[in-house]
Amino acid sequence: MGLLQRRSLAPDDPRRLRELLDRCIALAAEHQVPSVVVGMAGDEGDALFPELVEYVASALRMEDSIFRLTRERAVLFLADVSRAQVESILARLQADFRQRFGGMRTPHVTLGAYEIAPGAQLALKEVLPAVFGHEASAV
C-alpha cells in the first residue's frame, strides 16, 4: 500500500494562509519565543507596493514566510521575534529597498502586527482583523 503524498499548496491558495499561521504558532511553542504576524497594506493602485513585497519576500529568513492576499495586501509570518523588533526589521528592509532602487520612491505602507506568544491557540479570524484593522500604523 502506497503512502499518501500531501500536495504542496499553491502560493495563493487560501489554505496556505492557515498552514502558515499554524507553522508560526508551532515555531513559537517549540522555541519558546514569540513570533509575529504582520499585515502590510499599500495604497490601492500603487505600482511599487508589489515590488516592495517581492523585495521583502526575497530577504526573509528560511523560517519566515509571506502570503500575498491581494496586489495591495500581504501577510508576513516572522518567527522568533517580538512585536518590538518587527518595526526595526521592516524599517531596515524599506531602507534597503530605497537604497537598492535609488531612483524609486518608497511606497506608502500601513503595518499591523500581532504577536503570537508561545502556546497560543489562534484562528485567522482573530489575527487578520488585528493586522489590517484600525490599529495599524502607517510607515
N, C-alpha and C. Protein backbone atom coordinates (compact mmCIF):
# COMPACT_ATOMS: atom_id res chain seq x y z
N MET A 1 0.84 -1.16 0.00
CA MET A 1 0.00 0.00 0.00
C MET A 1 0.89 1.24 0.00
N GLY A 2 0.64 2.19 -0.88
CA GLY A 2 1.47 3.39 -1.00
C GLY A 2 1.11 4.44 0.04
N LEU A 3 2.08 5.24 0.34
CA LEU A 3 1.87 6.33 1.27
C LEU A 3 1.13 7.46 0.58
N LEU A 4 0.24 8.10 1.31
CA LEU A 4 -0.44 9.26 0.76
C LEU A 4 0.55 10.42 0.73
N GLN A 5 0.62 11.06 -0.39
CA GLN A 5 1.51 12.19 -0.52
C GLN A 5 0.71 13.47 -0.40
N ARG A 6 1.17 14.34 0.45
CA ARG A 6 0.49 15.61 0.61
C ARG A 6 0.95 16.54 -0.50
N ARG A 7 0.00 17.09 -1.18
CA ARG A 7 0.33 18.02 -2.25
C ARG A 7 0.67 19.38 -1.68
N SER A 8 1.66 19.98 -2.27
CA SER A 8 2.04 21.32 -1.86
C SER A 8 0.97 22.29 -2.36
N LEU A 9 0.57 23.20 -1.48
CA LEU A 9 -0.44 24.18 -1.85
C LEU A 9 0.18 25.28 -2.70
N ALA A 10 -0.61 25.79 -3.62
CA ALA A 10 -0.15 26.89 -4.46
C ALA A 10 0.11 28.12 -3.60
N PRO A 11 1.03 28.99 -4.03
CA PRO A 11 1.37 30.16 -3.22
C PRO A 11 0.18 31.06 -2.88
N ASP A 12 -0.84 31.07 -3.73
CA ASP A 12 -2.00 31.92 -3.48
C ASP A 12 -3.22 31.16 -2.97
N ASP A 13 -3.05 29.90 -2.61
CA ASP A 13 -4.16 29.09 -2.09
C ASP A 13 -4.49 29.57 -0.68
N PRO A 14 -5.74 29.97 -0.40
CA PRO A 14 -6.11 30.45 0.94
C PRO A 14 -5.82 29.45 2.06
N ARG A 15 -5.83 28.17 1.76
CA ARG A 15 -5.50 27.17 2.79
C ARG A 15 -4.05 27.30 3.24
N ARG A 16 -3.21 27.83 2.38
CA ARG A 16 -1.80 28.03 2.73
C ARG A 16 -1.67 29.09 3.82
N LEU A 17 -2.56 30.07 3.83
CA LEU A 17 -2.54 31.09 4.87
C LEU A 17 -2.74 30.46 6.24
N ARG A 18 -3.69 29.55 6.34
CA ARG A 18 -3.93 28.84 7.61
C ARG A 18 -2.71 27.99 7.97
N GLU A 19 -2.16 27.33 6.97
CA GLU A 19 -0.97 26.49 7.18
C GLU A 19 0.21 27.32 7.71
N LEU A 20 0.39 28.52 7.17
CA LEU A 20 1.48 29.38 7.62
C LEU A 20 1.26 29.87 9.04
N LEU A 21 0.01 30.18 9.39
CA LEU A 21 -0.28 30.59 10.77
C LEU A 21 -0.02 29.43 11.73
N ASP A 22 -0.44 28.24 11.36
CA ASP A 22 -0.19 27.06 12.21
C ASP A 22 1.31 26.84 12.41
N ARG A 23 2.08 27.03 11.36
CA ARG A 23 3.54 26.87 11.45
C ARG A 23 4.14 27.92 12.37
N CYS A 24 3.67 29.14 12.27
CA CYS A 24 4.15 30.23 13.11
C CYS A 24 3.83 29.95 14.59
N ILE A 25 2.64 29.44 14.85
CA ILE A 25 2.24 29.08 16.22
C ILE A 25 3.13 27.95 16.73
N ALA A 26 3.38 26.96 15.88
CA ALA A 26 4.21 25.82 16.27
C ALA A 26 5.65 26.25 16.57
N LEU A 27 6.20 27.15 15.76
CA LEU A 27 7.56 27.63 16.00
C LEU A 27 7.65 28.41 17.31
N ALA A 28 6.64 29.22 17.60
CA ALA A 28 6.63 29.98 18.85
C ALA A 28 6.63 29.01 20.04
N ALA A 29 5.83 27.96 19.95
CA ALA A 29 5.76 26.98 21.04
C ALA A 29 7.05 26.18 21.15
N GLU A 30 7.58 25.74 20.02
CA GLU A 30 8.79 24.92 20.01
C GLU A 30 10.01 25.68 20.53
N HIS A 31 10.15 26.93 20.12
CA HIS A 31 11.32 27.72 20.50
C HIS A 31 11.12 28.51 21.79
N GLN A 32 9.89 28.53 22.29
CA GLN A 32 9.54 29.30 23.49
C GLN A 32 9.92 30.77 23.35
N VAL A 33 9.75 31.29 22.14
CA VAL A 33 9.99 32.69 21.81
C VAL A 33 8.81 33.14 20.95
N PRO A 34 8.34 34.36 21.14
CA PRO A 34 7.19 34.79 20.33
C PRO A 34 7.52 34.87 18.84
N SER A 35 6.47 34.79 18.05
CA SER A 35 6.53 35.04 16.62
C SER A 35 5.53 36.15 16.34
N VAL A 36 5.63 36.78 15.19
CA VAL A 36 4.75 37.90 14.89
C VAL A 36 4.18 37.74 13.49
N VAL A 37 2.88 38.02 13.38
CA VAL A 37 2.19 38.09 12.09
C VAL A 37 2.06 39.57 11.77
N VAL A 38 2.48 39.96 10.58
CA VAL A 38 2.46 41.37 10.17
C VAL A 38 1.60 41.52 8.93
N GLY A 39 0.69 42.46 8.98
CA GLY A 39 -0.10 42.82 7.80
C GLY A 39 0.55 44.02 7.14
N MET A 40 0.79 43.91 5.85
CA MET A 40 1.34 45.02 5.07
C MET A 40 0.28 45.44 4.06
N ALA A 41 -0.10 46.70 4.09
CA ALA A 41 -1.10 47.20 3.14
C ALA A 41 -0.54 48.42 2.42
N GLY A 42 -0.61 48.39 1.11
CA GLY A 42 -0.18 49.53 0.30
C GLY A 42 -1.39 50.29 -0.20
N ASP A 43 -1.13 51.44 -0.77
CA ASP A 43 -2.21 52.23 -1.35
C ASP A 43 -2.75 51.52 -2.58
N GLU A 44 -4.06 51.60 -2.77
CA GLU A 44 -4.68 50.95 -3.92
C GLU A 44 -4.10 51.53 -5.22
N GLY A 45 -3.69 50.64 -6.09
CA GLY A 45 -3.15 51.04 -7.38
C GLY A 45 -1.68 51.44 -7.37
N ASP A 46 -1.02 51.38 -6.22
CA ASP A 46 0.40 51.73 -6.13
C ASP A 46 1.22 50.64 -6.81
N ALA A 47 1.84 50.99 -7.92
CA ALA A 47 2.60 50.01 -8.70
C ALA A 47 3.88 49.57 -8.00
N LEU A 48 4.38 50.35 -7.04
CA LEU A 48 5.62 49.98 -6.35
C LEU A 48 5.41 49.03 -5.18
N PHE A 49 4.21 49.02 -4.61
CA PHE A 49 3.98 48.16 -3.45
C PHE A 49 4.27 46.68 -3.76
N PRO A 50 3.78 46.12 -4.87
CA PRO A 50 4.14 44.72 -5.17
C PRO A 50 5.63 44.49 -5.30
N GLU A 51 6.36 45.51 -5.77
CA GLU A 51 7.83 45.40 -5.87
C GLU A 51 8.45 45.34 -4.47
N LEU A 52 7.93 46.14 -3.55
CA LEU A 52 8.42 46.11 -2.17
C LEU A 52 8.12 44.76 -1.53
N VAL A 53 6.93 44.23 -1.76
CA VAL A 53 6.56 42.91 -1.21
C VAL A 53 7.49 41.84 -1.76
N GLU A 54 7.79 41.90 -3.03
CA GLU A 54 8.71 40.94 -3.64
C GLU A 54 10.10 41.06 -3.02
N TYR A 55 10.54 42.29 -2.79
CA TYR A 55 11.84 42.50 -2.18
C TYR A 55 11.87 41.94 -0.76
N VAL A 56 10.84 42.23 0.02
CA VAL A 56 10.76 41.71 1.39
C VAL A 56 10.76 40.18 1.37
N ALA A 57 10.01 39.58 0.46
CA ALA A 57 9.96 38.11 0.35
C ALA A 57 11.35 37.54 0.08
N SER A 58 12.12 38.23 -0.76
CA SER A 58 13.46 37.72 -1.09
C SER A 58 14.44 37.86 0.07
N ALA A 59 14.13 38.75 1.02
CA ALA A 59 15.04 39.00 2.14
C ALA A 59 14.68 38.20 3.40
N LEU A 60 13.60 37.43 3.36
CA LEU A 60 13.18 36.68 4.54
C LEU A 60 14.11 35.53 4.86
N ARG A 61 14.18 35.20 6.14
CA ARG A 61 14.94 34.03 6.57
C ARG A 61 14.15 32.77 6.21
N MET A 62 14.79 31.63 6.31
CA MET A 62 14.14 30.36 5.94
C MET A 62 12.90 30.09 6.78
N GLU A 63 12.92 30.46 8.05
CA GLU A 63 11.78 30.16 8.91
C GLU A 63 10.64 31.17 8.79
N ASP A 64 10.85 32.24 8.04
CA ASP A 64 9.82 33.26 7.83
C ASP A 64 9.08 32.99 6.53
N SER A 65 7.88 33.56 6.43
CA SER A 65 7.06 33.34 5.23
C SER A 65 6.27 34.59 4.90
N ILE A 66 5.77 34.60 3.67
CA ILE A 66 4.91 35.70 3.23
C ILE A 66 3.76 35.11 2.43
N PHE A 67 2.60 35.74 2.55
CA PHE A 67 1.43 35.34 1.77
C PHE A 67 0.83 36.60 1.18
N ARG A 68 0.68 36.63 -0.12
CA ARG A 68 0.08 37.78 -0.80
C ARG A 68 -1.42 37.58 -0.87
N LEU A 69 -2.16 38.43 -0.15
CA LEU A 69 -3.62 38.35 -0.17
C LEU A 69 -4.17 38.95 -1.46
N THR A 70 -3.71 40.16 -1.77
CA THR A 70 -4.11 40.88 -2.98
C THR A 70 -2.90 41.64 -3.48
N ARG A 71 -3.09 42.42 -4.51
CA ARG A 71 -1.98 43.24 -5.03
C ARG A 71 -1.52 44.26 -4.00
N GLU A 72 -2.44 44.73 -3.14
CA GLU A 72 -2.13 45.77 -2.15
C GLU A 72 -2.00 45.26 -0.72
N ARG A 73 -2.09 43.94 -0.50
CA ARG A 73 -2.01 43.40 0.86
C ARG A 73 -1.20 42.12 0.89
N ALA A 74 -0.38 42.03 1.94
CA ALA A 74 0.41 40.81 2.15
C ALA A 74 0.49 40.56 3.65
N VAL A 75 0.70 39.30 4.02
CA VAL A 75 0.85 38.91 5.42
C VAL A 75 2.22 38.28 5.58
N LEU A 76 3.00 38.80 6.53
CA LEU A 76 4.31 38.24 6.86
C LEU A 76 4.20 37.41 8.13
N PHE A 77 4.91 36.31 8.15
CA PHE A 77 5.00 35.46 9.34
C PHE A 77 6.46 35.46 9.74
N LEU A 78 6.78 36.15 10.85
CA LEU A 78 8.16 36.28 11.30
C LEU A 78 8.36 35.49 12.58
N ALA A 79 9.23 34.49 12.52
CA ALA A 79 9.48 33.60 13.66
C ALA A 79 10.56 34.16 14.57
N ASP A 80 10.42 33.85 15.84
CA ASP A 80 11.45 34.15 16.84
C ASP A 80 11.78 35.64 16.96
N VAL A 81 10.78 36.48 16.85
CA VAL A 81 10.94 37.91 17.06
C VAL A 81 9.79 38.42 17.91
N SER A 82 10.01 39.55 18.53
CA SER A 82 8.93 40.20 19.29
C SER A 82 8.31 41.28 18.42
N ARG A 83 7.17 41.75 18.86
CA ARG A 83 6.50 42.82 18.14
C ARG A 83 7.39 44.06 18.07
N ALA A 84 8.13 44.32 19.14
CA ALA A 84 9.02 45.49 19.18
C ALA A 84 10.12 45.40 18.12
N GLN A 85 10.61 44.21 17.85
CA GLN A 85 11.68 44.02 16.85
C GLN A 85 11.18 44.19 15.42
N VAL A 86 9.90 43.96 15.20
CA VAL A 86 9.34 43.98 13.84
C VAL A 86 9.51 45.34 13.19
N GLU A 87 9.26 46.42 13.93
CA GLU A 87 9.37 47.76 13.34
C GLU A 87 10.77 48.02 12.81
N SER A 88 11.80 47.65 13.58
CA SER A 88 13.17 47.90 13.12
C SER A 88 13.52 47.00 11.93
N ILE A 89 13.03 45.77 11.94
CA ILE A 89 13.29 44.85 10.82
C ILE A 89 12.69 45.42 9.55
N LEU A 90 11.42 45.83 9.62
CA LEU A 90 10.76 46.34 8.41
C LEU A 90 11.30 47.70 7.99
N ALA A 91 11.69 48.53 8.93
CA ALA A 91 12.31 49.81 8.58
C ALA A 91 13.62 49.57 7.84
N ARG A 92 14.40 48.59 8.31
CA ARG A 92 15.66 48.26 7.65
C ARG A 92 15.42 47.75 6.23
N LEU A 93 14.40 46.89 6.07
CA LEU A 93 14.10 46.36 4.74
C LEU A 93 13.64 47.46 3.79
N GLN A 94 12.85 48.40 4.30
CA GLN A 94 12.41 49.51 3.45
C GLN A 94 13.59 50.41 3.08
N ALA A 95 14.50 50.63 4.02
CA ALA A 95 15.70 51.43 3.72
C ALA A 95 16.56 50.72 2.68
N ASP A 96 16.71 49.41 2.81
CA ASP A 96 17.47 48.63 1.83
C ASP A 96 16.82 48.71 0.46
N PHE A 97 15.49 48.66 0.42
CA PHE A 97 14.74 48.77 -0.84
C PHE A 97 15.02 50.13 -1.49
N ARG A 98 14.95 51.20 -0.70
CA ARG A 98 15.24 52.56 -1.22
C ARG A 98 16.66 52.65 -1.76
N GLN A 99 17.60 52.08 -1.03
CA GLN A 99 19.00 52.15 -1.44
C GLN A 99 19.23 51.34 -2.72
N ARG A 100 18.66 50.17 -2.79
CA ARG A 100 18.87 49.30 -3.95
C ARG A 100 18.23 49.87 -5.21
N PHE A 101 17.06 50.47 -5.04
CA PHE A 101 16.34 51.03 -6.19
C PHE A 101 16.28 52.55 -6.02
N GLY A 102 17.46 53.17 -6.00
CA GLY A 102 17.65 54.57 -5.67
C GLY A 102 16.70 55.57 -6.30
N GLY A 103 16.38 55.40 -7.54
CA GLY A 103 15.52 56.36 -8.22
C GLY A 103 14.05 56.23 -7.87
N MET A 104 13.68 55.15 -7.20
CA MET A 104 12.27 54.93 -6.90
C MET A 104 11.90 55.52 -5.54
N ARG A 105 10.70 55.97 -5.44
CA ARG A 105 10.19 56.38 -4.14
C ARG A 105 9.79 55.11 -3.38
N THR A 106 9.74 55.19 -2.08
CA THR A 106 9.29 54.05 -1.29
C THR A 106 7.78 54.12 -1.18
N PRO A 107 7.10 53.03 -1.46
CA PRO A 107 5.64 53.07 -1.37
C PRO A 107 5.17 53.31 0.06
N HIS A 108 4.04 53.97 0.18
CA HIS A 108 3.40 54.17 1.48
C HIS A 108 2.88 52.81 1.94
N VAL A 109 3.22 52.43 3.16
CA VAL A 109 2.82 51.12 3.68
C VAL A 109 2.20 51.30 5.06
N THR A 110 1.07 50.64 5.27
CA THR A 110 0.46 50.58 6.58
C THR A 110 0.74 49.20 7.15
N LEU A 111 1.24 49.18 8.39
CA LEU A 111 1.62 47.92 9.03
C LEU A 111 0.75 47.66 10.25
N GLY A 112 0.42 46.42 10.45
CA GLY A 112 -0.24 45.99 11.68
C GLY A 112 0.45 44.71 12.13
N ALA A 113 0.60 44.53 13.43
CA ALA A 113 1.32 43.37 13.93
C ALA A 113 0.54 42.68 15.04
N TYR A 114 0.66 41.37 15.08
CA TYR A 114 0.02 40.55 16.11
C TYR A 114 1.08 39.58 16.62
N GLU A 115 1.43 39.72 17.89
CA GLU A 115 2.44 38.84 18.47
C GLU A 115 1.80 37.53 18.93
N ILE A 116 2.44 36.43 18.57
CA ILE A 116 1.99 35.10 18.96
C ILE A 116 2.86 34.60 20.09
N ALA A 117 2.29 34.50 21.26
CA ALA A 117 3.03 34.03 22.42
C ALA A 117 3.17 32.51 22.34
N PRO A 118 4.25 31.96 22.90
CA PRO A 118 4.41 30.50 22.92
C PRO A 118 3.19 29.85 23.59
N GLY A 119 2.65 28.83 22.93
CA GLY A 119 1.50 28.10 23.46
C GLY A 119 0.15 28.69 23.07
N ALA A 120 0.14 29.77 22.30
CA ALA A 120 -1.12 30.40 21.90
C ALA A 120 -1.90 29.52 20.94
N GLN A 121 -3.21 29.60 21.02
CA GLN A 121 -4.11 28.94 20.08
C GLN A 121 -4.92 30.04 19.41
N LEU A 122 -4.73 30.21 18.11
CA LEU A 122 -5.35 31.32 17.39
C LEU A 122 -6.03 30.85 16.12
N ALA A 123 -6.98 31.67 15.68
CA ALA A 123 -7.64 31.45 14.41
C ALA A 123 -7.36 32.66 13.52
N LEU A 124 -7.39 32.45 12.21
CA LEU A 124 -7.17 33.55 11.28
C LEU A 124 -8.17 34.67 11.49
N LYS A 125 -9.38 34.31 11.89
CA LYS A 125 -10.41 35.34 12.08
C LYS A 125 -10.08 36.26 13.25
N GLU A 126 -9.16 35.88 14.11
CA GLU A 126 -8.68 36.76 15.18
C GLU A 126 -7.50 37.60 14.70
N VAL A 127 -6.63 36.99 13.92
CA VAL A 127 -5.37 37.62 13.56
C VAL A 127 -5.53 38.63 12.42
N LEU A 128 -6.21 38.27 11.35
CA LEU A 128 -6.30 39.17 10.18
C LEU A 128 -6.94 40.51 10.50
N PRO A 129 -8.06 40.57 11.23
CA PRO A 129 -8.60 41.90 11.57
C PRO A 129 -7.63 42.73 12.41
N ALA A 130 -6.84 42.07 13.24
CA ALA A 130 -5.88 42.79 14.08
C ALA A 130 -4.76 43.40 13.24
N VAL A 131 -4.28 42.70 12.23
CA VAL A 131 -3.15 43.21 11.44
C VAL A 131 -3.57 44.15 10.33
N PHE A 132 -4.84 44.14 9.94
CA PHE A 132 -5.32 45.06 8.91
C PHE A 132 -6.38 46.02 9.45
N GLY A 133 -6.56 46.03 10.76
CA GLY A 133 -7.58 46.86 11.37
C GLY A 133 -7.16 48.29 11.56
N HIS A 134 -7.96 49.02 12.32
CA HIS A 134 -7.74 50.44 12.53
C HIS A 134 -6.53 50.75 13.40
N GLU A 135 -5.95 49.75 14.05
CA GLU A 135 -4.78 49.98 14.91
C GLU A 135 -3.47 49.90 14.13
N ALA A 136 -3.54 49.59 12.85
CA ALA A 136 -2.32 49.51 12.03
C ALA A 136 -1.71 50.90 11.91
N SER A 137 -0.39 50.96 11.74
CA SER A 137 0.29 52.26 11.65
C SER A 137 0.92 52.45 10.28
N ALA A 138 0.91 53.68 9.81
CA ALA A 138 1.49 54.00 8.51
C ALA A 138 3.00 54.13 8.64
N VAL A 139 3.71 53.66 7.64
CA VAL A 139 5.17 53.76 7.60
C VAL A 139 5.57 54.40 6.29
